[in-house]
Protein backbone atom coordinates (compact mmCIF):
# COMPACT_ATOMS: atom_id res chain seq x y z
CA UNK A 1 -12.47 -37.87 2.63
CA UNK A 2 -11.16 -38.65 -0.63
CA UNK A 3 -9.82 -35.91 -3.49
CA UNK A 4 -9.04 -36.02 -6.94
CA UNK A 5 -6.92 -33.19 -8.29
CA UNK A 6 -6.37 -33.40 -11.92
CA UNK A 7 -3.78 -31.11 -13.70
CA UNK A 8 -4.13 -31.12 -17.44
CA UNK A 9 -1.16 -31.29 -19.84
CA UNK A 10 0.45 -33.52 -22.44
CA UNK A 11 3.39 -35.91 -21.40
CA UNK A 12 6.92 -36.18 -23.01
CA UNK A 13 9.85 -33.21 -22.83
CA UNK A 14 8.42 -31.43 -26.45
CA UNK A 15 5.65 -30.21 -24.03
CA UNK A 16 7.38 -29.21 -20.62
CA UNK A 17 6.96 -25.88 -19.84
CA UNK A 18 4.29 -24.80 -22.72
CA UNK A 19 1.44 -23.26 -22.14
CA UNK A 20 -0.97 -26.24 -22.38
CA UNK A 21 0.98 -27.69 -19.39
CA UNK A 22 0.05 -25.52 -16.62
CA UNK A 23 -1.85 -27.93 -14.74
CA UNK A 24 1.08 -30.13 -14.96
CA UNK A 25 3.20 -27.22 -13.52
CA UNK A 26 0.68 -26.46 -10.75
CA UNK A 27 0.37 -30.02 -9.52
CA UNK A 28 4.24 -30.15 -9.56
CA UNK A 29 4.36 -27.56 -7.31
CA UNK A 30 2.31 -28.52 -5.38
CA UNK A 31 3.91 -31.47 -4.63
CA UNK A 32 7.31 -30.30 -4.19
CA UNK A 33 5.85 -27.79 -1.71
CA UNK A 34 4.58 -30.92 0.05
CA UNK A 35 7.85 -33.43 -0.12
CA UNK A 36 6.46 -35.92 -1.89
CA UNK A 37 6.91 -37.07 -5.47
CA UNK A 38 4.78 -38.37 -8.55
CA UNK A 39 4.82 -42.33 -9.29
CA UNK A 40 4.19 -43.58 -12.92
CA UNK A 41 0.97 -45.42 -12.22
CA UNK A 42 -1.92 -46.65 -14.64
CA UNK A 43 -2.98 -43.69 -16.85
CA UNK A 44 -0.70 -41.01 -15.62
CA UNK A 45 1.84 -39.83 -12.74
CA UNK A 46 -0.06 -39.53 -9.39
CA UNK A 47 0.78 -38.68 -5.71
CA UNK A 48 -1.37 -38.89 -2.45
CA UNK A 49 -1.03 -36.44 0.00
CA UNK A 50 -2.74 -35.92 3.18
CA UNK A 51 -4.02 -32.57 3.88
CA UNK A 52 -5.54 -32.07 7.70
CA UNK A 53 -7.84 -35.55 7.52
CA UNK A 54 -8.29 -35.45 4.05
CA UNK A 55 -6.77 -37.46 1.36
CA UNK A 56 -5.57 -36.00 -2.27
CA UNK A 57 -5.01 -37.89 -5.27
CA UNK A 58 -2.98 -35.41 -7.78
CA UNK A 59 -3.16 -36.48 -11.20
CA UNK A 60 -1.15 -35.81 -14.05
CA UNK A 61 -2.93 -38.18 -17.21
CA UNK A 62 -0.64 -39.75 -19.37
CA UNK A 63 -3.17 -40.25 -21.77
CA UNK A 64 -2.40 -36.82 -23.57
CA UNK A 65 -4.89 -33.91 -23.40
CA UNK A 66 -7.35 -34.98 -26.32
CA UNK A 67 -8.01 -38.30 -24.00
CA UNK A 68 -7.97 -37.08 -20.51
CA UNK A 69 -11.43 -38.57 -19.78
CA UNK A 70 -10.00 -41.81 -19.65
CA UNK A 71 -7.64 -41.67 -17.06
CA UNK A 72 -9.80 -39.07 -14.70
CA UNK A 73 -13.03 -41.22 -15.27
CA UNK A 74 -10.48 -44.44 -14.07
CA UNK A 75 -9.07 -42.81 -11.14
CA UNK A 76 -12.51 -41.56 -9.70
CA UNK A 77 -13.80 -44.65 -10.22
CA UNK A 78 -10.91 -46.71 -8.79
CA UNK A 79 -11.11 -44.02 -6.06
CA UNK A 80 -14.79 -43.93 -5.69
CA UNK A 81 -14.21 -40.43 -5.91
CA UNK A 82 -17.28 -38.21 -6.08
CA UNK A 83 -17.13 -35.53 -9.20
CA UNK A 84 -18.01 -33.21 -6.60
CA UNK A 85 -14.43 -33.30 -5.08
CA UNK A 86 -12.84 -33.32 -8.00
CA UNK A 87 -10.70 -30.16 -9.35
CA UNK A 88 -9.41 -29.90 -12.69
CA UNK A 89 -6.47 -27.58 -13.79
CA UNK A 90 -6.65 -26.16 -17.39
CA UNK A 91 -5.31 -23.17 -19.53
CA UNK A 92 -7.65 -21.22 -20.93
CA UNK A 93 -7.47 -18.71 -24.37
CA UNK A 94 -10.62 -16.40 -23.16
CA UNK A 95 -8.73 -15.18 -20.36
CA UNK A 96 -5.82 -12.66 -19.98
CA UNK A 97 -2.17 -14.48 -18.67
CA UNK A 98 -2.41 -14.24 -15.36
CA UNK A 99 -6.33 -14.50 -14.73
CA UNK A 100 -7.96 -17.15 -12.48
CA UNK A 101 -10.97 -18.31 -12.63
CA UNK A 102 -12.52 -21.34 -10.36
CA UNK A 103 -16.10 -22.37 -11.78
CA UNK A 104 -18.16 -25.00 -10.48
CA UNK A 105 -19.65 -26.09 -14.01
CA UNK A 106 -19.59 -24.86 -17.19
CA UNK A 107 -19.19 -26.07 -20.76
CA UNK A 108 -16.03 -26.87 -22.60
CA UNK A 109 -14.86 -23.79 -24.17
CA UNK A 110 -13.23 -25.58 -26.88
CA UNK A 111 -10.67 -27.25 -24.49
CA UNK A 112 -10.01 -30.45 -25.94
CA UNK A 113 -9.24 -31.69 -22.42
CA UNK A 114 -12.36 -30.78 -21.07
CA UNK A 115 -14.25 -32.05 -23.98
CA UNK A 116 -13.05 -35.27 -23.05
CA UNK A 117 -13.93 -35.12 -19.52
CA UNK A 118 -17.51 -34.15 -20.26
CA UNK A 119 -17.61 -36.85 -22.63
CA UNK A 120 -16.46 -39.89 -20.71
CA UNK A 121 -17.85 -38.40 -17.09
CA UNK A 122 -21.44 -37.50 -18.49
CA UNK A 123 -21.33 -34.36 -16.95
CA UNK A 124 -19.86 -30.84 -16.81
CA UNK A 125 -20.82 -30.19 -13.59
CA UNK A 126 -17.29 -30.21 -11.61
CA UNK A 127 -14.87 -27.99 -10.20
CA UNK A 128 -12.42 -26.39 -12.75
CA UNK A 129 -9.58 -23.84 -12.22
CA UNK A 130 -8.70 -21.68 -15.46
CA UNK A 131 -5.61 -20.42 -16.01
CA UNK A 132 -5.47 -17.59 -18.67
CA UNK A 133 -2.67 -18.21 -20.85
CA UNK A 134 -3.69 -14.90 -23.26
CA UNK A 135 -4.37 -15.07 -26.95
CA UNK A 136 -1.43 -13.38 -28.36
CA UNK A 137 -1.34 -15.13 -31.43
CA UNK A 138 -2.09 -14.15 -34.94
CA UNK A 139 -4.55 -15.91 -37.40
CA UNK A 140 -4.13 -19.66 -37.53
CA UNK A 141 -1.47 -20.00 -35.11
CA UNK A 142 -3.58 -21.07 -31.98
CA UNK A 143 -2.21 -24.63 -31.80
CA UNK A 144 1.42 -23.08 -32.25
CA UNK A 145 0.79 -20.40 -29.38
CA UNK A 146 -0.95 -23.31 -26.94
CA UNK A 147 1.82 -25.47 -27.56
CA UNK A 148 4.51 -22.52 -27.21
CA UNK A 149 6.82 -22.21 -24.65
CA UNK A 150 5.99 -19.35 -22.12
CA UNK A 151 8.11 -16.47 -23.00
CA UNK A 152 10.51 -14.35 -20.31
CA UNK A 153 7.95 -12.12 -19.24
CA UNK A 154 5.68 -14.94 -18.73
CA UNK A 155 8.61 -17.08 -16.97
CA UNK A 156 9.44 -14.78 -14.42
CA UNK A 157 5.24 -14.17 -13.71
CA UNK A 158 4.94 -18.08 -13.28
CA UNK A 159 5.93 -18.14 -9.56
CA UNK A 160 3.52 -16.56 -7.41
CA UNK A 161 0.50 -17.86 -10.13
CA UNK A 162 1.86 -21.53 -9.20
CA UNK A 163 1.04 -20.24 -5.52
CA UNK A 164 -1.97 -19.19 -6.06
CA UNK A 165 -2.80 -22.42 -7.76
CA UNK A 166 -1.82 -24.35 -4.43
CA UNK A 167 -3.65 -22.07 -1.95
CA UNK A 168 -6.46 -22.52 -4.27
CA UNK A 169 -6.35 -26.37 -4.20
CA UNK A 170 -5.74 -26.14 -0.28
CA UNK A 171 -9.21 -24.02 0.15
CA UNK A 172 -10.83 -26.00 -2.38
CA UNK A 173 -10.05 -28.92 -0.01
CA UNK A 174 -10.53 -27.42 3.20
CA UNK A 175 -12.96 -24.54 2.53
CA UNK A 176 -15.15 -25.99 -0.25
CA UNK A 177 -16.28 -24.61 -3.64
CA UNK A 178 -18.51 -21.89 -2.60
CA UNK A 179 -15.76 -19.95 -0.34
CA UNK A 180 -13.27 -21.01 -2.24
CA UNK A 181 -14.52 -19.23 -5.30
CA UNK A 182 -15.72 -16.58 -3.36
CA UNK A 183 -11.94 -15.37 -2.03
CA UNK A 184 -9.95 -16.56 -5.56
CA UNK A 185 -11.81 -15.04 -7.40
CA UNK A 186 -12.34 -11.79 -6.44
CA UNK A 187 -8.63 -11.97 -5.56
CA UNK A 188 -6.50 -9.71 -7.59
């Protein structure tokens, strides 16, 4: 069984360690723990991992956030992975920092990466792990906040959040969506 695990973010050093790149951070932590590495492939950095008889393709799109759908669509088609076997990891301004929510479908919530996915896939019915980044910004400063670097306190709290993301990926693949939602959405 194949799965596509997508971490949304932007490529380039100027975007490294920004709130918008939490999807990349989670996949980097997962790959590091798996003793594997990403390879530059078409439309992104890709890593293949085997997990108890399942085959995971981890994707960090190189298309920039607003065109993420192009990379995701390509890899779903290339690997013949059904959309129900896809998990997208994304930042979310509507959730307080440190909150994680797994959902099986939903709107794009104004997130340009999800907008691109929904448009190219023709559906919003796919799993997404939403990482709360908070909304501690003044009026008109949303872009600066989202593309800003983690502050010192946030950086201190990132390691357990990345670990929880790794656990969520494993559970999604091995236990399925419903059981993973029941466990991780109620876990404090």
